[in-house]
Full PDB file with SEQRES, HELIX, SHEET, SSBOND, CRYST1, ORIGX, SCALE, CONECT and MASTER records, all heavy atoms in Angstrom:
SEQRES   1 A   33  GLY GLY PRO GLU GLY ARG ARG SER VAL LEU LYS LEU ALA          
SEQRES   2 A   33  GLU ARG MET VAL ILE SER TYR CYS SER GLY VAL SER ALA          
SEQRES   3 A   33  THR ALA ALA HIS GLN TRP THR                                  
HELIX    1 AA1 GLY A    2  VAL A   24  1                                  23    
CRYST1    1.000    1.000    1.000  90.00  90.00  90.00 P 1           1          
ORIGX1      1.000000  0.000000  0.000000        0.00000                         
ORIGX2      0.000000  1.000000  0.000000        0.00000                         
ORIGX3      0.000000  0.000000  1.000000        0.00000                         
SCALE1      1.000000  0.000000  0.000000        0.00000                         
SCALE2      0.000000  1.000000  0.000000        0.00000                         
SCALE3      0.000000  0.000000  1.000000        0.00000                         
ATOM      1  N   GLY A   1      -9.666  22.341 -11.927  1.00  0.00           N  
ATOM      2  CA  GLY A   1     -10.942  22.928 -11.530  1.00  0.00           C  
ATOM      3  C   GLY A   1     -11.106  24.325 -12.069  1.00  0.00           C  
ATOM      4  O   GLY A   1     -11.353  25.256 -11.293  1.00  0.00           O  
ATOM      5  N   GLY A   2     -10.939  24.544 -13.361  1.00  0.00           N  
ATOM      6  CA  GLY A   2     -11.136  25.839 -13.962  1.00  0.00           C  
ATOM      7  C   GLY A   2      -9.894  26.717 -13.842  1.00  0.00           C  
ATOM      8  O   GLY A   2      -8.818  26.285 -13.445  1.00  0.00           O  
ATOM      9  N   PRO A   3     -10.025  28.007 -14.211  1.00  0.00           N  
ATOM     10  CA  PRO A   3      -8.859  28.916 -14.196  1.00  0.00           C  
ATOM     11  C   PRO A   3      -8.232  29.051 -12.802  1.00  0.00           C  
ATOM     12  O   PRO A   3      -7.007  29.180 -12.711  1.00  0.00           O  
ATOM     13  CB  PRO A   3      -9.489  30.255 -14.641  1.00  0.00           C  
ATOM     14  CG  PRO A   3     -10.692  29.866 -15.445  1.00  0.00           C  
ATOM     15  CD  PRO A   3     -11.225  28.636 -14.762  1.00  0.00           C  
ATOM     16  N   GLU A   4      -9.033  29.015 -11.737  1.00  0.00           N  
ATOM     17  CA  GLU A   4      -8.453  29.107 -10.379  1.00  0.00           C  
ATOM     18  C   GLU A   4      -7.542  27.950 -10.077  1.00  0.00           C  
ATOM     19  O   GLU A   4      -6.465  28.102  -9.504  1.00  0.00           O  
ATOM     20  CB  GLU A   4      -9.585  29.221  -9.341  1.00  0.00           C  
ATOM     21  CG  GLU A   4     -10.338  30.520  -9.356  1.00  0.00           C  
ATOM     22  CD  GLU A   4      -9.441  31.726  -9.030  1.00  0.00           C  
ATOM     23  OE1 GLU A   4      -8.501  31.540  -8.227  1.00  0.00           O  
ATOM     24  OE2 GLU A   4      -9.676  32.776  -9.602  1.00  0.00           O  
ATOM     25  N   GLY A   5      -7.945  26.746 -10.450  1.00  0.00           N  
ATOM     26  CA  GLY A   5      -7.085  25.599 -10.249  1.00  0.00           C  
ATOM     27  C   GLY A   5      -5.818  25.702 -11.068  1.00  0.00           C  
ATOM     28  O   GLY A   5      -4.732  25.287 -10.625  1.00  0.00           O  
ATOM     29  N   ARG A   6      -5.959  26.221 -12.269  1.00  0.00           N  
ATOM     30  CA  ARG A   6      -4.776  26.383 -13.138  1.00  0.00           C  
ATOM     31  C   ARG A   6      -3.775  27.344 -12.490  1.00  0.00           C  
ATOM     32  O   ARG A   6      -2.564  27.094 -12.466  1.00  0.00           O  
ATOM     33  CB  ARG A   6      -5.236  26.922 -14.490  1.00  0.00           C  
ATOM     34  CG  ARG A   6      -4.216  26.893 -15.599  1.00  0.00           C  
ATOM     35  CD  ARG A   6      -4.948  27.210 -16.896  1.00  0.00           C  
ATOM     36  NE  ARG A   6      -4.066  27.100 -18.041  1.00  0.00           N  
ATOM     37  CZ  ARG A   6      -3.390  28.109 -18.541  1.00  0.00           C  
ATOM     38  NH1 ARG A   6      -3.499  29.283 -17.980  1.00  0.00           N  
ATOM     39  NH2 ARG A   6      -2.651  27.942 -19.623  1.00  0.00           N  
ATOM     40  N   ARG A   7      -4.278  28.477 -11.984  1.00  0.00           N  
ATOM     41  CA  ARG A   7      -3.366  29.464 -11.342  1.00  0.00           C  
ATOM     42  C   ARG A   7      -2.748  28.884 -10.050  1.00  0.00           C  
ATOM     43  O   ARG A   7      -1.553  29.144  -9.771  1.00  0.00           O  
ATOM     44  CB  ARG A   7      -4.151  30.724 -11.042  1.00  0.00           C  
ATOM     45  CG  ARG A   7      -4.322  31.649 -12.235  1.00  0.00           C  
ATOM     46  CD  ARG A   7      -4.787  33.037 -11.825  1.00  0.00           C  
ATOM     47  NE  ARG A   7      -6.182  33.004 -11.426  1.00  0.00           N  
ATOM     48  CZ  ARG A   7      -7.198  33.197 -12.263  1.00  0.00           C  
ATOM     49  NH1 ARG A   7      -6.958  33.439 -13.552  1.00  0.00           N  
ATOM     50  NH2 ARG A   7      -8.438  33.195 -11.873  1.00  0.00           N  
ATOM     51  N   SER A   8      -3.483  28.093  -9.296  1.00  0.00           N  
ATOM     52  CA  SER A   8      -2.932  27.513  -8.083  1.00  0.00           C  
ATOM     53  C   SER A   8      -1.812  26.535  -8.400  1.00  0.00           C  
ATOM     54  O   SER A   8      -0.797  26.479  -7.709  1.00  0.00           O  
ATOM     55  CB  SER A   8      -4.048  26.816  -7.273  1.00  0.00           C  
ATOM     56  OG  SER A   8      -4.984  27.745  -6.788  1.00  0.00           O  
ATOM     57  N   VAL A   9      -1.997  25.716  -9.458  1.00  0.00           N  
ATOM     58  CA  VAL A   9      -0.961  24.789  -9.861  1.00  0.00           C  
ATOM     59  C   VAL A   9       0.289  25.508 -10.282  1.00  0.00           C  
ATOM     60  O   VAL A   9       1.449  25.164  -9.908  1.00  0.00           O  
ATOM     61  CB  VAL A   9      -1.461  23.847 -10.962  1.00  0.00           C  
ATOM     62  CG1 VAL A   9      -0.321  23.027 -11.540  1.00  0.00           C  
ATOM     63  CG2 VAL A   9      -2.561  22.931 -10.435  1.00  0.00           C  
ATOM     64  N   LEU A  10       0.144  26.609 -11.070  1.00  0.00           N  
ATOM     65  CA  LEU A  10       1.290  27.366 -11.526  1.00  0.00           C  
ATOM     66  C   LEU A  10       2.016  28.068 -10.350  1.00  0.00           C  
ATOM     67  O   LEU A  10       3.229  28.157 -10.327  1.00  0.00           O  
ATOM     68  CB  LEU A  10       0.866  28.423 -12.557  1.00  0.00           C  
ATOM     69  CG  LEU A  10       0.425  27.858 -13.931  1.00  0.00           C  
ATOM     70  CD1 LEU A  10      -0.096  28.969 -14.811  1.00  0.00           C  
ATOM     71  CD2 LEU A  10       1.599  27.160 -14.604  1.00  0.00           C  
ATOM     72  N   LYS A  11       1.204  28.522  -9.373  1.00  0.00           N  
ATOM     73  CA  LYS A  11       1.814  29.159  -8.216  1.00  0.00           C  
ATOM     74  C   LYS A  11       2.589  28.161  -7.361  1.00  0.00           C  
ATOM     75  O   LYS A  11       3.709  28.440  -6.883  1.00  0.00           O  
ATOM     76  CB  LYS A  11       0.710  29.816  -7.357  1.00  0.00           C  
ATOM     77  CG  LYS A  11       1.277  30.602  -6.179  1.00  0.00           C  
ATOM     78  CD  LYS A  11       0.149  31.282  -5.415  1.00  0.00           C  
ATOM     79  CE  LYS A  11       0.684  32.041  -4.209  1.00  0.00           C  
ATOM     80  NZ  LYS A  11      -0.421  32.676  -3.440  1.00  0.00           N  
ATOM     81  N   LEU A  12       2.077  26.967  -7.219  1.00  0.00           N  
ATOM     82  CA  LEU A  12       2.789  25.918  -6.494  1.00  0.00           C  
ATOM     83  C   LEU A  12       4.087  25.503  -7.238  1.00  0.00           C  
ATOM     84  O   LEU A  12       5.131  25.328  -6.582  1.00  0.00           O  
ATOM     85  CB  LEU A  12       1.904  24.693  -6.291  1.00  0.00           C  
ATOM     86  CG  LEU A  12       2.502  23.505  -5.551  1.00  0.00           C  
ATOM     87  CD1 LEU A  12       2.866  23.927  -4.098  1.00  0.00           C  
ATOM     88  CD2 LEU A  12       1.554  22.318  -5.526  1.00  0.00           C  
ATOM     89  N   ALA A  13       4.024  25.454  -8.541  1.00  0.00           N  
ATOM     90  CA  ALA A  13       5.217  25.136  -9.318  1.00  0.00           C  
ATOM     91  C   ALA A  13       6.283  26.214  -9.196  1.00  0.00           C  
ATOM     92  O   ALA A  13       7.478  25.932  -9.131  1.00  0.00           O  
ATOM     93  CB  ALA A  13       4.851  24.920 -10.769  1.00  0.00           C  
ATOM     94  N   GLU A  14       5.839  27.467  -9.145  1.00  0.00           N  
ATOM     95  CA  GLU A  14       6.781  28.561  -9.000  1.00  0.00           C  
ATOM     96  C   GLU A  14       7.510  28.463  -7.640  1.00  0.00           C  
ATOM     97  O   GLU A  14       8.726  28.631  -7.558  1.00  0.00           O  
ATOM     98  CB  GLU A  14       6.075  29.907  -9.071  1.00  0.00           C  
ATOM     99  CG  GLU A  14       7.008  31.117  -8.902  1.00  0.00           C  
ATOM    100  CD  GLU A  14       6.234  32.405  -8.766  1.00  0.00           C  
ATOM    101  OE1 GLU A  14       5.219  32.425  -8.043  1.00  0.00           O  
ATOM    102  OE2 GLU A  14       6.639  33.396  -9.347  1.00  0.00           O  
ATOM    103  N   ARG A  15       6.761  28.207  -6.568  1.00  0.00           N  
ATOM    104  CA  ARG A  15       7.382  28.061  -5.268  1.00  0.00           C  
ATOM    105  C   ARG A  15       8.344  26.862  -5.267  1.00  0.00           C  
ATOM    106  O   ARG A  15       9.384  26.919  -4.572  1.00  0.00           O  
ATOM    107  CB  ARG A  15       6.319  27.884  -4.180  1.00  0.00           C  
ATOM    108  CG  ARG A  15       6.884  27.856  -2.762  1.00  0.00           C  
ATOM    109  CD  ARG A  15       5.791  28.085  -1.749  1.00  0.00           C  
ATOM    110  NE  ARG A  15       4.807  27.046  -1.711  1.00  0.00           N  
ATOM    111  CZ  ARG A  15       4.942  25.880  -1.058  1.00  0.00           C  
ATOM    112  NH1 ARG A  15       6.023  25.658  -0.375  1.00  0.00           N  
ATOM    113  NH2 ARG A  15       3.975  25.004  -1.068  1.00  0.00           N  
ATOM    114  N   MET A  16       8.003  25.825  -5.984  1.00  0.00           N  
ATOM    115  CA  MET A  16       8.894  24.657  -6.072  1.00  0.00           C  
ATOM    116  C   MET A  16      10.241  25.019  -6.716  1.00  0.00           C  
ATOM    117  O   MET A  16      11.306  24.620  -6.225  1.00  0.00           O  
ATOM    118  CB  MET A  16       8.189  23.553  -6.846  1.00  0.00           C  
ATOM    119  CG  MET A  16       9.032  22.341  -7.111  1.00  0.00           C  
ATOM    120  SD  MET A  16       8.190  21.112  -8.145  1.00  0.00           S  
ATOM    121  CE  MET A  16       8.021  21.982  -9.693  1.00  0.00           C  
ATOM    122  N   VAL A  17      10.211  25.812  -7.799  1.00  0.00           N  
ATOM    123  CA  VAL A  17      11.440  26.209  -8.475  1.00  0.00           C  
ATOM    124  C   VAL A  17      12.285  27.103  -7.592  1.00  0.00           C  
ATOM    125  O   VAL A  17      13.513  26.977  -7.521  1.00  0.00           O  
ATOM    126  CB  VAL A  17      11.093  26.894  -9.829  1.00  0.00           C  
ATOM    127  CG1 VAL A  17      12.370  27.431 -10.472  1.00  0.00           C  
ATOM    128  CG2 VAL A  17      10.409  25.930 -10.738  1.00  0.00           C  
ATOM    129  N   ILE A  18      11.660  28.032  -6.864  1.00  0.00           N  
ATOM    130  CA  ILE A  18      12.387  28.910  -5.973  1.00  0.00           C  
ATOM    131  C   ILE A  18      13.077  28.095  -4.889  1.00  0.00           C  
ATOM    132  O   ILE A  18      14.241  28.347  -4.545  1.00  0.00           O  
ATOM    133  CB  ILE A  18      11.444  29.953  -5.356  1.00  0.00           C  
ATOM    134  CG1 ILE A  18      10.939  30.902  -6.454  1.00  0.00           C  
ATOM    135  CG2 ILE A  18      12.128  30.738  -4.252  1.00  0.00           C  
ATOM    136  CD1 ILE A  18       9.898  31.897  -5.970  1.00  0.00           C  
ATOM    137  N   SER A  19      12.365  27.142  -4.325  1.00  0.00           N  
ATOM    138  CA  SER A  19      12.980  26.274  -3.268  1.00  0.00           C  
ATOM    139  C   SER A  19      14.123  25.453  -3.832  1.00  0.00           C  
ATOM    140  O   SER A  19      15.117  25.265  -3.156  1.00  0.00           O  
ATOM    141  CB  SER A  19      11.899  25.394  -2.693  1.00  0.00           C  
ATOM    142  OG  SER A  19      12.433  24.543  -1.712  1.00  0.00           O  
ATOM    143  N   TYR A  20      13.993  25.005  -5.079  1.00  0.00           N  
ATOM    144  CA  TYR A  20      15.060  24.219  -5.699  1.00  0.00           C  
ATOM    145  C   TYR A  20      16.341  25.111  -5.822  1.00  0.00           C  
ATOM    146  O   TYR A  20      17.417  24.657  -5.470  1.00  0.00           O  
ATOM    147  CB  TYR A  20      14.639  23.731  -7.053  1.00  0.00           C  
ATOM    148  CG  TYR A  20      15.784  23.176  -7.885  1.00  0.00           C  
ATOM    149  CD1 TYR A  20      16.220  21.865  -7.694  1.00  0.00           C  
ATOM    150  CD2 TYR A  20      16.441  23.944  -8.838  1.00  0.00           C  
ATOM    151  CE1 TYR A  20      17.312  21.354  -8.437  1.00  0.00           C  
ATOM    152  CE2 TYR A  20      17.466  23.464  -9.600  1.00  0.00           C  
ATOM    153  CZ  TYR A  20      17.905  22.175  -9.394  1.00  0.00           C  
ATOM    154  OH  TYR A  20      18.947  21.663 -10.111  1.00  0.00           O  
ATOM    155  N   CYS A  21      16.172  26.321  -6.319  1.00  0.00           N  
ATOM    156  CA  CYS A  21      17.320  27.203  -6.492  1.00  0.00           C  
ATOM    157  C   CYS A  21      17.994  27.509  -5.151  1.00  0.00           C  
ATOM    158  O   CYS A  21      19.222  27.639  -5.060  1.00  0.00           O  
ATOM    159  CB  CYS A  21      16.908  28.474  -7.192  1.00  0.00           C  
ATOM    160  SG  CYS A  21      16.381  28.261  -8.919  1.00  0.00           S  
ATOM    161  N   SER A  22      17.184  27.631  -4.104  1.00  0.00           N  
ATOM    162  CA  SER A  22      17.759  27.918  -2.779  1.00  0.00           C  
ATOM    163  C   SER A  22      18.581  26.765  -2.271  1.00  0.00           C  
ATOM    164  O   SER A  22      19.528  26.950  -1.489  1.00  0.00           O  
ATOM    165  CB  SER A  22      16.646  28.253  -1.791  1.00  0.00           C  
ATOM    166  OG  SER A  22      15.940  27.075  -1.436  1.00  0.00           O  
ATOM    167  N   GLY A  23      18.292  25.547  -2.703  1.00  0.00           N  
ATOM    168  CA  GLY A  23      19.084  24.411  -2.264  1.00  0.00           C  
ATOM    169  C   GLY A  23      20.350  24.209  -3.065  1.00  0.00           C  
ATOM    170  O   GLY A  23      21.317  23.598  -2.571  1.00  0.00           O  
ATOM    171  N   VAL A  24      20.367  24.725  -4.294  1.00  0.00           N  
ATOM    172  CA  VAL A  24      21.578  24.570  -5.130  1.00  0.00           C  
ATOM    173  C   VAL A  24      22.690  25.490  -4.608  1.00  0.00           C  
ATOM    174  O   VAL A  24      23.858  25.048  -4.525  1.00  0.00           O  
ATOM    175  CB  VAL A  24      21.240  24.901  -6.607  1.00  0.00           C  
ATOM    176  CG1 VAL A  24      22.516  24.890  -7.456  1.00  0.00           C  
ATOM    177  CG2 VAL A  24      20.260  23.849  -7.156  1.00  0.00           C  
ATOM    178  N   SER A  25      22.392  26.702  -4.290  1.00  0.00           N  
ATOM    179  CA  SER A  25      23.416  27.650  -3.818  1.00  0.00           C  
ATOM    180  C   SER A  25      22.969  28.209  -2.475  1.00  0.00           C  
ATOM    181  O   SER A  25      21.995  28.949  -2.374  1.00  0.00           O  
ATOM    182  CB  SER A  25      23.622  28.803  -4.804  1.00  0.00           C  
ATOM    183  OG  SER A  25      22.374  29.455  -5.066  1.00  0.00           O  
ATOM    184  N   ALA A  26      23.661  27.816  -1.412  1.00  0.00           N  
ATOM    185  CA  ALA A  26      23.304  28.245  -0.068  1.00  0.00           C  
ATOM    186  C   ALA A  26      23.664  29.705   0.106  1.00  0.00           C  
ATOM    187  O   ALA A  26      24.739  30.148  -0.227  1.00  0.00           O  
ATOM    188  CB  ALA A  26      24.040  27.413   0.978  1.00  0.00           C  
ATOM    189  N   THR A  27      22.700  30.490   0.648  1.00  0.00           N  
ATOM    190  CA  THR A  27      22.919  31.918   0.859  1.00  0.00           C  
ATOM    191  C   THR A  27      22.523  32.277   2.279  1.00  0.00           C  
ATOM    192  O   THR A  27      22.077  31.464   3.057  1.00  0.00           O  
ATOM    193  CB  THR A  27      22.051  32.702  -0.147  1.00  0.00           C  
ATOM    194  OG1 THR A  27      20.661  32.510   0.143  1.00  0.00           O  
ATOM    195  CG2 THR A  27      22.344  32.309  -1.581  1.00  0.00           C  
ATOM    196  N   ALA A  28      22.712  33.594   2.563  1.00  0.00           N  
ATOM    197  CA  ALA A  28      22.405  34.061   3.924  1.00  0.00           C  
ATOM    198  C   ALA A  28      20.950  33.879   4.264  1.00  0.00           C  
ATOM    199  O   ALA A  28      20.586  33.709   5.431  1.00  0.00           O  
ATOM    200  CB  ALA A  28      22.829  35.529   4.042  1.00  0.00           C  
ATOM    201  N   ALA A  29      20.061  33.939   3.287  1.00  0.00           N  
ATOM    202  CA  ALA A  29      18.626  33.852   3.594  1.00  0.00           C  
ATOM    203  C   ALA A  29      18.114  32.462   3.745  1.00  0.00           C  
ATOM    204  O   ALA A  29      17.050  32.233   4.306  1.00  0.00           O  
ATOM    205  CB  ALA A  29      17.857  34.542   2.456  1.00  0.00           C  
ATOM    206  N   HIS A  30      18.892  31.459   3.268  1.00  0.00           N  
ATOM    207  CA  HIS A  30      18.341  30.097   3.260  1.00  0.00           C  
ATOM    208  C   HIS A  30      18.877  29.213   4.376  1.00  0.00           C  
ATOM    209  O   HIS A  30      18.332  28.159   4.629  1.00  0.00           O  
ATOM    210  CB  HIS A  30      18.659  29.463   1.881  1.00  0.00           C  
ATOM    211  CG  HIS A  30      18.102  30.248   0.755  1.00  0.00           C  
ATOM    212  ND1 HIS A  30      18.814  30.516  -0.411  1.00  0.00           N  
ATOM    213  CD2 HIS A  30      16.884  30.847   0.578  1.00  0.00           C  
ATOM    214  CE1 HIS A  30      18.069  31.236  -1.218  1.00  0.00           C  
ATOM    215  NE2 HIS A  30      16.920  31.452  -0.640  1.00  0.00           N  
ATOM    216  N   GLN A  31      19.945  29.623   5.021  1.00  0.00           N  
ATOM    217  CA  GLN A  31      20.386  29.031   6.266  1.00  0.00           C  
ATOM    218  C   GLN A  31      20.634  27.532   6.145  1.00  0.00           C  
ATOM    219  O   GLN A  31      20.215  26.747   7.005  1.00  0.00           O  
ATOM    220  CB  GLN A  31      19.403  29.332   7.402  1.00  0.00           C  
ATOM    221  CG  GLN A  31      19.276  30.845   7.650  1.00  0.00           C  
ATOM    222  CD  GLN A  31      18.286  31.144   8.739  1.00  0.00           C  
ATOM    223  OE1 GLN A  31      17.419  30.309   9.079  1.00  0.00           O  
ATOM    224  NE2 GLN A  31      18.336  32.298   9.283  1.00  0.00           N  
ATOM    225  N   TRP A  32      21.283  27.098   5.073  1.00  0.00           N  
ATOM    226  CA  TRP A  32      21.721  25.717   5.005  1.00  0.00           C  
ATOM    227  C   TRP A  32      23.056  25.569   5.719  1.00  0.00           C  
ATOM    228  O   TRP A  32      23.844  26.484   5.807  1.00  0.00           O  
ATOM    229  CB  TRP A  32      21.903  25.283   3.561  1.00  0.00           C  
ATOM    230  CG  TRP A  32      20.629  25.115   2.767  1.00  0.00           C  
ATOM    231  CD1 TRP A  32      20.021  26.038   2.010  1.00  0.00           C  
ATOM    232  CD2 TRP A  32      19.851  23.916   2.677  1.00  0.00           C  
ATOM    233  NE1 TRP A  32      18.873  25.523   1.440  1.00  0.00           N  
ATOM    234  CE2 TRP A  32      18.753  24.204   1.834  1.00  0.00           C  
ATOM    235  CE3 TRP A  32      19.961  22.661   3.224  1.00  0.00           C  
ATOM    236  CZ2 TRP A  32      17.792  23.289   1.510  1.00  0.00           C  
ATOM    237  CZ3 TRP A  32      18.979  21.705   2.895  1.00  0.00           C  
ATOM    238  CH2 TRP A  32      17.902  22.016   2.044  1.00  0.00           C  
ATOM    239  N   THR A  33      23.317  24.387   6.250  1.00  0.00           N  
ATOM    240  CA  THR A  33      24.565  24.077   6.876  1.00  0.00           C  
ATOM    241  C   THR A  33      25.335  23.099   6.016  1.00  0.00           C  
ATOM    242  O   THR A  33      24.829  21.990   5.747  1.00  0.00           O  
ATOM    243  CB  THR A  33      24.399  23.502   8.285  1.00  0.00           C  
ATOM    244  OG1 THR A  33      23.669  24.463   9.096  1.00  0.00           O  
ATOM    245  CG2 THR A  33      25.739  23.206   8.949  1.00  0.00           C  
TER     246      THR A  33                                                      
MASTER        0    0    0    1    0    0    0    6  245    1    0    3          
END                                                                             
């Protein structure tokens, strides 16, 4: 849906990558058991 839709998709993808990295190495901020 235009440039705004493009930016929203890229922002969602960025959050997805951050969440993936948090699951690979458990840290104090991510509170995995």
